[in-house]
Structure formats: C-alpha cells, structure tokens
C-alpha cells in the first residue's frame, strides 16, 4: 500500500516526492537517535550530561548493632541422619533453640505475628506463635563471646530420613537466637534472629547452608538479610571454605517454594577498590542488584551498574564520610 502511494506521488510530482521522503528520513532519524539516546550506557556519556541527568535515589540508612552471629563450620558433614554442627558468636548471653521439621506456613505466620500481635523475644513466644508445629526441639545456653560448637541432631526414634520432595511443607531446621537477659532486650534494637537452614537428605542433596535469616526488632519489624556482592582481585574461596560469621548472616537466599537451584553459592569477595577508577575505596551498594563496587567519586556518573548493567534504582553507603575520615586518621 505504501509503495503504491509513493509511486503515485512520484508520478504526480517528483520534487514533492523527494521532499516527503526527506521529511520522513528526518523524523525516523530523530526517533531512532532519541530512543537509543535513553539507553546508551552512562559510562560513554560526557561528565556534564551525566551529572545533570543522574537521579539515583540515596537511601537513608540507620546503623544498628546485631548481637547475634551464627555459622555452619562443616557444612559438608551435615545430614538429616548425622545432624549438623552450629557455631554461635554472640555479644551477650543468648539462648540457641533449634526446631527440627518446622512448619513453613506457621513460621511465616509467626513472623507476621511479631509485627502485628506480640513480640518474639523468647523461645516460648515463638513456640506459641508456631502452635508447636515442629517435630523436635533442642536448646543451648550460649555465653557471651563463646564460640563453642553446638551439635544438633534428630533423635533416632523420630525415624525421619528426609522431608519429602520440593516444595516442602516443613523446613529441615530453624535456629532461633534470643537474648537470655531481659535487661539486654532493652539495650538492643535487634532482640532475636531466626535462621532457616537446609540440611541434605535422601530427597534433596543440596549442600547444607543458611537459606534465610531474619532479624527481629523490638519495635515490631523484621528484616530479611541478603548478601552483598563485591568485586574481586583474588579468586573466590571454594565451596568447602568456611565464611566468617558476618558473611554467613548474609547468604544468597533461595526461593522459598523449593530450595531451587543447584548453582554454586556466590561468596563475598575481598577487593576494596572501586571497579571504575581503581583508586577510591568501595563505599556504595547499588540496588536492586546489590553490587558494592563504586567509590564516592564515581557514584554520580552511573545510572547503570558497571558490573551487571542493571539500572540502579537506589543506593546506600557502607559508611558515612565522617566514619571514613575517622578510619583514615586511625590508620595514619
């Protein structure tokens, strides 16, 4: 249809035909350049254009002290039949309570009750919220800064060798850390930590790991911890290596429905240099990709993450300018 129109137009007036084609070319060129101009990587733009167009929201962060730490020292040796070893690392006297075969739905309902009904400050409060929907419970008293290993295992008479195929109705193990002293609960914003732990069995042999960790606040909120990804100047540690307590609390979370994915777990790396200028220390975390890769000077030039090219919606600093200055003066 368009070809017939153009032929008719050319026969009517060649000059008018050329003018129409030229106008169409200009309009098409403008649309194409305008379209791709919005998607050109920011790293290729000049600094004046970038500084004026960048509108990445900066989140206001509030620092709180987390009194709880938990890690799995030997994940390869853990299984439903052999049990698992946990190493707590707490700033105050705490109580470690392990719930085997905890009901998935009841656990998440309990977290919502912490927000709307009552605060989960003690193991008894969690058990009331769970309606005792678990198979077996073990409890240990943890002294301040005591890193002694705690061994958790289902009793033989439980006769549990697996928790069935995915998606499952029960988590293999849920570990709850609460402050033992009531006075400490008035000092800390974080009053409890819930860790959901996968333990391999006959039905699902994914290696032992912490799937989710939730920090419960005294004000009635809870936060789902997630891992930050940093650039690396050195090779990543092997899957058998043990991460420090800080890293174990920030595991990459698997999908709730099925412990999905057999991919190797990503580890937090050790590099501290900005991936762009290779000069300033990394201080900014980009969201939603959670890459910590930019220094204070380079942040303003990017609307896309320089590591994964995902558009940046928000960002937050790892430490304030004042803390950086204090750290530098300490090293000097």
Foldseek 3Di string as FASTA:
>chain_A
DVVVVLVVVCVVPVVVSVVVVVVVVVVVVVVVCVVVVVVDFLVPDDPVVLLVPDDAAADDDDDFDDQKFKFFQFQQPFAQAQFGKMWIFGQAKKKKKKFFFQFPVLQVQLLLCLQPPHNCQDPVSSCVSSVVRTQDMDMDIDHHRDGDMDTDHDDPVSVDQDQDAFPGRTQRMKMKMAHPDPVVLVVGQFGMKIWGWHHAGPHHRQTIATQWMWTAGPNRHIDIAAAAAEDAPDDDDDLRHIDDRVFRNHWHHDDNGGSDDNDRTDGHYDDQAAPPPRPAGFWKAFPDVRYRHHHPVCPSSGQADPPPRHGGRYMYTPDDPVVVVVVVVVVD
